Amino acid sequence: MTDIRTLLWLDFATCAAFALMLAVVAGPLEQMLGLPGPVRVAAIVILVAAALLMGFTARHQPLFTVGAWLVVAGNAAWVLASLGLVLAGGLTLPGTAFVLVQAAAVTGLTALEATALRRALQPA
């Protein structure tokens, strides 16, 4: 089973890459996905902040348990916000698919992180 630090680094990398993608190809993404500019900017800010927390938590010795639980909770909130964005309407069909696929991926990663975190906190 993968340990919590490895999962946090994976989450860090995906958040950073996603924020970079949203920043670099902003115009085409907004048109193709129907993603409003303010939502895209908010997502970038949240992703960068989350990546910083993930990196700090993954490096901290001993494990920064509060930070790890914040990552799990933040990922769950991200999934809920993604579903809210889809339900609000306004996204294109590719935009809806994109948001749902990334929400599914975050759901899976969150479940892995929660399981690994619980395992890490069990007495040896």
N, C-alpha and C. Protein backbone atom coordinates (compact mmCIF):
# COMPACT_ATOMS: atom_id res chain seq x y z
N MET A 1 0.85 -1.19 0.00
CA MET A 1 0.00 0.00 0.00
C MET A 1 0.89 1.25 0.00
N THR A 2 0.46 2.26 -0.66
CA THR A 2 1.23 3.50 -0.77
C THR A 2 1.13 4.29 0.53
N ASP A 3 2.24 4.88 0.93
CA ASP A 3 2.23 5.65 2.18
C ASP A 3 1.70 7.06 1.95
N ILE A 4 1.33 7.70 3.04
CA ILE A 4 0.69 9.02 2.98
C ILE A 4 1.60 10.07 2.35
N ARG A 5 2.88 10.01 2.63
CA ARG A 5 3.79 11.02 2.07
C ARG A 5 3.87 10.92 0.54
N THR A 6 3.93 9.71 0.03
CA THR A 6 3.96 9.52 -1.42
C THR A 6 2.69 10.07 -2.06
N LEU A 7 1.55 9.79 -1.43
CA LEU A 7 0.28 10.29 -1.95
C LEU A 7 0.21 11.81 -1.89
N LEU A 8 0.75 12.39 -0.82
CA LEU A 8 0.77 13.85 -0.72
C LEU A 8 1.64 14.47 -1.81
N TRP A 9 2.77 13.84 -2.11
CA TRP A 9 3.63 14.35 -3.19
C TRP A 9 2.94 14.21 -4.55
N LEU A 10 2.23 13.11 -4.75
CA LEU A 10 1.46 12.94 -5.99
C LEU A 10 0.39 14.03 -6.10
N ASP A 11 -0.31 14.28 -5.02
CA ASP A 11 -1.34 15.31 -4.99
C ASP A 11 -0.72 16.69 -5.24
N PHE A 12 0.43 16.94 -4.62
CA PHE A 12 1.16 18.19 -4.83
C PHE A 12 1.45 18.39 -6.32
N ALA A 13 1.99 17.35 -6.95
CA ALA A 13 2.37 17.46 -8.37
C ALA A 13 1.15 17.69 -9.26
N THR A 14 0.06 17.00 -8.97
CA THR A 14 -1.12 17.17 -9.83
C THR A 14 -1.76 18.54 -9.62
N CYS A 15 -1.78 19.03 -8.39
CA CYS A 15 -2.32 20.38 -8.14
C CYS A 15 -1.49 21.44 -8.84
N ALA A 16 -0.17 21.33 -8.72
CA ALA A 16 0.71 22.31 -9.35
C ALA A 16 0.57 22.27 -10.88
N ALA A 17 0.50 21.06 -11.44
CA ALA A 17 0.36 20.93 -12.89
C ALA A 17 -0.99 21.48 -13.37
N PHE A 18 -2.02 21.20 -12.63
CA PHE A 18 -3.35 21.66 -13.00
C PHE A 18 -3.42 23.19 -12.92
N ALA A 19 -2.84 23.78 -11.88
CA ALA A 19 -2.82 25.24 -11.74
C ALA A 19 -2.05 25.86 -12.90
N LEU A 20 -0.92 25.27 -13.26
CA LEU A 20 -0.12 25.77 -14.37
C LEU A 20 -0.90 25.69 -15.68
N MET A 21 -1.59 24.57 -15.90
CA MET A 21 -2.38 24.42 -17.12
C MET A 21 -3.48 25.48 -17.17
N LEU A 22 -4.17 25.70 -16.06
CA LEU A 22 -5.24 26.70 -16.03
C LEU A 22 -4.71 28.11 -16.29
N ALA A 23 -3.48 28.36 -15.88
CA ALA A 23 -2.88 29.69 -16.07
C ALA A 23 -2.36 29.87 -17.49
N VAL A 24 -1.73 28.85 -18.04
CA VAL A 24 -1.05 28.98 -19.32
C VAL A 24 -2.02 28.97 -20.50
N VAL A 25 -3.01 28.12 -20.46
CA VAL A 25 -3.94 28.03 -21.59
C VAL A 25 -5.32 28.56 -21.20
N ALA A 26 -5.32 29.68 -20.54
CA ALA A 26 -6.55 30.26 -19.98
C ALA A 26 -7.62 30.52 -21.03
N GLY A 27 -7.30 31.27 -22.06
CA GLY A 27 -8.29 31.65 -23.07
C GLY A 27 -8.93 30.45 -23.75
N PRO A 28 -8.12 29.56 -24.32
CA PRO A 28 -8.71 28.39 -24.97
C PRO A 28 -9.53 27.51 -24.02
N LEU A 29 -9.05 27.38 -22.78
CA LEU A 29 -9.80 26.56 -21.81
C LEU A 29 -11.15 27.17 -21.49
N GLU A 30 -11.17 28.48 -21.30
CA GLU A 30 -12.44 29.14 -20.98
C GLU A 30 -13.45 28.91 -22.08
N GLN A 31 -13.03 29.01 -23.33
CA GLN A 31 -13.95 28.82 -24.46
C GLN A 31 -14.33 27.36 -24.62
N MET A 32 -13.35 26.48 -24.60
CA MET A 32 -13.62 25.06 -24.84
C MET A 32 -14.47 24.44 -23.73
N LEU A 33 -14.17 24.81 -22.48
CA LEU A 33 -14.86 24.20 -21.35
C LEU A 33 -16.07 24.98 -20.88
N GLY A 34 -16.14 26.26 -21.25
CA GLY A 34 -17.22 27.11 -20.74
C GLY A 34 -16.95 27.50 -19.30
N LEU A 35 -15.68 27.46 -18.91
CA LEU A 35 -15.28 27.77 -17.53
C LEU A 35 -15.15 29.28 -17.37
N PRO A 36 -15.95 29.89 -16.50
CA PRO A 36 -15.86 31.34 -16.32
C PRO A 36 -14.49 31.76 -15.77
N GLY A 37 -14.01 32.91 -16.23
CA GLY A 37 -12.71 33.42 -15.80
C GLY A 37 -12.54 33.50 -14.30
N PRO A 38 -13.51 34.06 -13.55
CA PRO A 38 -13.35 34.13 -12.09
C PRO A 38 -13.25 32.74 -11.44
N VAL A 39 -13.93 31.77 -11.97
CA VAL A 39 -13.85 30.41 -11.43
C VAL A 39 -12.45 29.84 -11.69
N ARG A 40 -11.93 30.09 -12.90
CA ARG A 40 -10.59 29.62 -13.25
C ARG A 40 -9.54 30.24 -12.34
N VAL A 41 -9.64 31.55 -12.11
CA VAL A 41 -8.68 32.24 -11.25
C VAL A 41 -8.77 31.72 -9.81
N ALA A 42 -9.99 31.55 -9.31
CA ALA A 42 -10.17 31.00 -7.96
C ALA A 42 -9.58 29.61 -7.86
N ALA A 43 -9.77 28.80 -8.90
CA ALA A 43 -9.21 27.45 -8.90
C ALA A 43 -7.69 27.49 -8.84
N ILE A 44 -7.08 28.40 -9.58
CA ILE A 44 -5.61 28.51 -9.57
C ILE A 44 -5.13 28.86 -8.16
N VAL A 45 -5.77 29.83 -7.53
CA VAL A 45 -5.36 30.25 -6.17
C VAL A 45 -5.50 29.08 -5.20
N ILE A 46 -6.62 28.37 -5.26
CA ILE A 46 -6.85 27.24 -4.36
C ILE A 46 -5.85 26.13 -4.63
N LEU A 47 -5.59 25.83 -5.89
CA LEU A 47 -4.65 24.77 -6.23
C LEU A 47 -3.23 25.09 -5.76
N VAL A 48 -2.81 26.33 -5.92
CA VAL A 48 -1.46 26.71 -5.47
C VAL A 48 -1.37 26.61 -3.94
N ALA A 49 -2.38 27.12 -3.25
CA ALA A 49 -2.38 27.03 -1.78
C ALA A 49 -2.39 25.58 -1.32
N ALA A 50 -3.20 24.76 -1.97
CA ALA A 50 -3.27 23.34 -1.61
C ALA A 50 -1.94 22.65 -1.86
N ALA A 51 -1.31 22.94 -3.00
CA ALA A 51 -0.02 22.32 -3.31
C ALA A 51 1.02 22.70 -2.26
N LEU A 52 1.02 23.95 -1.83
CA LEU A 52 1.97 24.37 -0.79
C LEU A 52 1.73 23.61 0.51
N LEU A 53 0.48 23.46 0.90
CA LEU A 53 0.16 22.70 2.11
C LEU A 53 0.58 21.24 1.94
N MET A 54 0.34 20.66 0.79
CA MET A 54 0.69 19.27 0.55
C MET A 54 2.21 19.06 0.62
N GLY A 55 2.95 19.96 -0.01
CA GLY A 55 4.40 19.85 0.03
C GLY A 55 4.94 20.01 1.43
N PHE A 56 4.43 21.00 2.16
CA PHE A 56 4.86 21.21 3.55
C PHE A 56 4.55 19.98 4.39
N THR A 57 3.35 19.46 4.24
CA THR A 57 2.92 18.31 5.04
C THR A 57 3.73 17.07 4.71
N ALA A 58 4.00 16.85 3.44
CA ALA A 58 4.77 15.67 3.03
C ALA A 58 6.21 15.72 3.55
N ARG A 59 6.78 16.91 3.65
CA ARG A 59 8.17 17.06 4.10
C ARG A 59 8.32 17.08 5.61
N HIS A 60 7.30 17.46 6.32
CA HIS A 60 7.39 17.69 7.76
C HIS A 60 7.69 16.40 8.51
N GLN A 61 8.63 16.50 9.44
CA GLN A 61 8.98 15.38 10.32
C GLN A 61 8.74 15.79 11.76
N PRO A 62 7.96 15.08 12.53
CA PRO A 62 7.14 13.94 12.12
C PRO A 62 5.97 14.41 11.25
N LEU A 63 5.18 13.47 10.80
CA LEU A 63 4.06 13.80 9.92
C LEU A 63 3.18 14.88 10.55
N PHE A 64 2.90 15.91 9.77
CA PHE A 64 2.01 17.00 10.19
C PHE A 64 0.58 16.51 10.00
N THR A 65 0.07 15.85 11.02
CA THR A 65 -1.23 15.18 10.94
C THR A 65 -2.36 16.14 10.61
N VAL A 66 -2.38 17.30 11.25
CA VAL A 66 -3.44 18.28 10.97
C VAL A 66 -3.41 18.68 9.51
N GLY A 67 -2.22 18.90 8.97
CA GLY A 67 -2.09 19.26 7.56
C GLY A 67 -2.60 18.16 6.65
N ALA A 68 -2.29 16.92 7.00
CA ALA A 68 -2.75 15.80 6.17
C ALA A 68 -4.28 15.69 6.18
N TRP A 69 -4.88 15.88 7.36
CA TRP A 69 -6.35 15.85 7.43
C TRP A 69 -6.95 17.04 6.68
N LEU A 70 -6.27 18.18 6.72
CA LEU A 70 -6.75 19.34 5.95
C LEU A 70 -6.72 19.06 4.45
N VAL A 71 -5.71 18.34 4.00
CA VAL A 71 -5.64 17.97 2.58
C VAL A 71 -6.82 17.07 2.23
N VAL A 72 -7.09 16.07 3.07
CA VAL A 72 -8.21 15.17 2.80
C VAL A 72 -9.52 15.95 2.77
N ALA A 73 -9.73 16.82 3.76
CA ALA A 73 -10.96 17.61 3.82
C ALA A 73 -11.04 18.58 2.64
N GLY A 74 -9.93 19.20 2.30
CA GLY A 74 -9.90 20.12 1.17
C GLY A 74 -10.21 19.43 -0.15
N ASN A 75 -9.68 18.23 -0.31
CA ASN A 75 -9.98 17.47 -1.53
C ASN A 75 -11.47 17.13 -1.60
N ALA A 76 -12.05 16.75 -0.47
CA ALA A 76 -13.48 16.45 -0.44
C ALA A 76 -14.29 17.71 -0.80
N ALA A 77 -13.87 18.85 -0.28
CA ALA A 77 -14.55 20.10 -0.61
C ALA A 77 -14.40 20.43 -2.09
N TRP A 78 -13.22 20.15 -2.66
CA TRP A 78 -12.99 20.38 -4.09
C TRP A 78 -13.96 19.55 -4.93
N VAL A 79 -14.15 18.29 -4.54
CA VAL A 79 -15.07 17.42 -5.28
C VAL A 79 -16.49 17.98 -5.21
N LEU A 80 -16.91 18.38 -4.02
CA LEU A 80 -18.25 18.95 -3.87
C LEU A 80 -18.41 20.23 -4.70
N ALA A 81 -17.39 21.08 -4.68
CA ALA A 81 -17.44 22.32 -5.48
C ALA A 81 -17.48 22.00 -6.98
N SER A 82 -16.75 20.97 -7.38
CA SER A 82 -16.76 20.57 -8.79
C SER A 82 -18.16 20.11 -9.20
N LEU A 83 -18.79 19.31 -8.35
CA LEU A 83 -20.15 18.86 -8.65
C LEU A 83 -21.12 20.04 -8.67
N GLY A 84 -20.92 20.99 -7.77
CA GLY A 84 -21.74 22.21 -7.76
C GLY A 84 -21.58 23.00 -9.04
N LEU A 85 -20.35 23.07 -9.54
CA LEU A 85 -20.08 23.78 -10.78
C LEU A 85 -20.82 23.12 -11.95
N VAL A 86 -20.81 21.80 -11.97
CA VAL A 86 -21.52 21.09 -13.04
C VAL A 86 -23.03 21.33 -12.92
N LEU A 87 -23.56 21.23 -11.70
CA LEU A 87 -25.00 21.41 -11.49
C LEU A 87 -25.45 22.84 -11.78
N ALA A 88 -24.56 23.80 -11.59
CA ALA A 88 -24.91 25.20 -11.85
C ALA A 88 -25.14 25.45 -13.34
N GLY A 89 -24.59 24.60 -14.18
CA GLY A 89 -24.76 24.77 -15.62
C GLY A 89 -23.79 25.79 -16.18
N GLY A 90 -23.81 25.93 -17.48
CA GLY A 90 -22.95 26.90 -18.15
C GLY A 90 -21.70 26.29 -18.74
N LEU A 91 -21.32 25.10 -18.29
CA LEU A 91 -20.16 24.44 -18.89
C LEU A 91 -20.57 23.82 -20.21
N THR A 92 -19.62 23.71 -21.11
CA THR A 92 -19.87 22.99 -22.35
C THR A 92 -19.87 21.49 -22.05
N LEU A 93 -20.23 20.68 -23.03
CA LEU A 93 -20.19 19.23 -22.84
C LEU A 93 -18.77 18.77 -22.51
N PRO A 94 -17.73 19.24 -23.25
CA PRO A 94 -16.37 18.86 -22.86
C PRO A 94 -16.01 19.40 -21.47
N GLY A 95 -16.52 20.57 -21.12
CA GLY A 95 -16.26 21.14 -19.80
C GLY A 95 -16.88 20.29 -18.70
N THR A 96 -18.09 19.85 -18.91
CA THR A 96 -18.75 18.98 -17.93
C THR A 96 -17.98 17.68 -17.77
N ALA A 97 -17.58 17.09 -18.88
CA ALA A 97 -16.81 15.84 -18.82
C ALA A 97 -15.48 16.06 -18.10
N PHE A 98 -14.80 17.15 -18.42
CA PHE A 98 -13.51 17.46 -17.80
C PHE A 98 -13.65 17.61 -16.29
N VAL A 99 -14.64 18.36 -15.86
CA VAL A 99 -14.84 18.60 -14.42
C VAL A 99 -15.22 17.30 -13.71
N LEU A 100 -16.06 16.49 -14.32
CA LEU A 100 -16.47 15.24 -13.69
C LEU A 100 -15.31 14.23 -13.61
N VAL A 101 -14.50 14.17 -14.66
CA VAL A 101 -13.36 13.24 -14.64
C VAL A 101 -12.35 13.64 -13.58
N GLN A 102 -12.05 14.95 -13.49
CA GLN A 102 -11.08 15.36 -12.47
C GLN A 102 -11.66 15.18 -11.07
N ALA A 103 -12.97 15.38 -10.91
CA ALA A 103 -13.61 15.15 -9.61
C ALA A 103 -13.53 13.68 -9.22
N ALA A 104 -13.71 12.78 -10.19
CA ALA A 104 -13.59 11.35 -9.91
C ALA A 104 -12.16 10.99 -9.51
N ALA A 105 -11.18 11.57 -10.20
CA ALA A 105 -9.78 11.31 -9.86
C ALA A 105 -9.45 11.82 -8.45
N VAL A 106 -9.93 13.01 -8.12
CA VAL A 106 -9.69 13.57 -6.79
C VAL A 106 -10.39 12.72 -5.72
N THR A 107 -11.57 12.21 -6.03
CA THR A 107 -12.27 11.33 -5.09
C THR A 107 -11.43 10.09 -4.79
N GLY A 108 -10.89 9.48 -5.83
CA GLY A 108 -10.05 8.29 -5.63
C GLY A 108 -8.80 8.60 -4.83
N LEU A 109 -8.14 9.69 -5.16
CA LEU A 109 -6.93 10.07 -4.44
C LEU A 109 -7.25 10.40 -2.98
N THR A 110 -8.37 11.04 -2.74
CA THR A 110 -8.77 11.38 -1.38
C THR A 110 -9.01 10.12 -0.56
N ALA A 111 -9.67 9.14 -1.15
CA ALA A 111 -9.90 7.87 -0.44
C ALA A 111 -8.58 7.19 -0.10
N LEU A 112 -7.64 7.19 -1.05
CA LEU A 112 -6.33 6.61 -0.79
C LEU A 112 -5.59 7.36 0.33
N GLU A 113 -5.65 8.69 0.28
CA GLU A 113 -4.98 9.50 1.31
C GLU A 113 -5.59 9.25 2.69
N ALA A 114 -6.91 9.20 2.77
CA ALA A 114 -7.57 8.98 4.07
C ALA A 114 -7.19 7.61 4.63
N THR A 115 -7.18 6.60 3.78
CA THR A 115 -6.81 5.25 4.22
C THR A 115 -5.35 5.21 4.67
N ALA A 116 -4.46 5.79 3.88
CA ALA A 116 -3.04 5.80 4.22
C ALA A 116 -2.78 6.61 5.49
N LEU A 117 -3.51 7.69 5.68
CA LEU A 117 -3.34 8.50 6.88
C LEU A 117 -3.79 7.74 8.12
N ARG A 118 -4.94 7.10 8.03
CA ARG A 118 -5.40 6.29 9.17
C ARG A 118 -4.40 5.19 9.50
N ARG A 119 -3.86 4.57 8.46
CA ARG A 119 -2.85 3.51 8.65
C ARG A 119 -1.59 4.08 9.30
N ALA A 120 -1.19 5.27 8.89
CA ALA A 120 0.03 5.89 9.44
C ALA A 120 -0.14 6.25 10.90
N LEU A 121 -1.37 6.51 11.31
CA LEU A 121 -1.61 6.93 12.69
C LEU A 121 -1.86 5.77 13.65
N GLN A 122 -1.96 4.56 13.11
CA GLN A 122 -2.15 3.40 13.98
C GLN A 122 -0.85 3.09 14.70
N PRO A 123 -0.97 2.70 15.96
CA PRO A 123 0.25 2.33 16.70
C PRO A 123 0.94 1.13 16.05
N ALA A 124 2.24 1.15 16.07
CA ALA A 124 3.03 0.06 15.44
C ALA A 124 2.97 -1.22 16.15
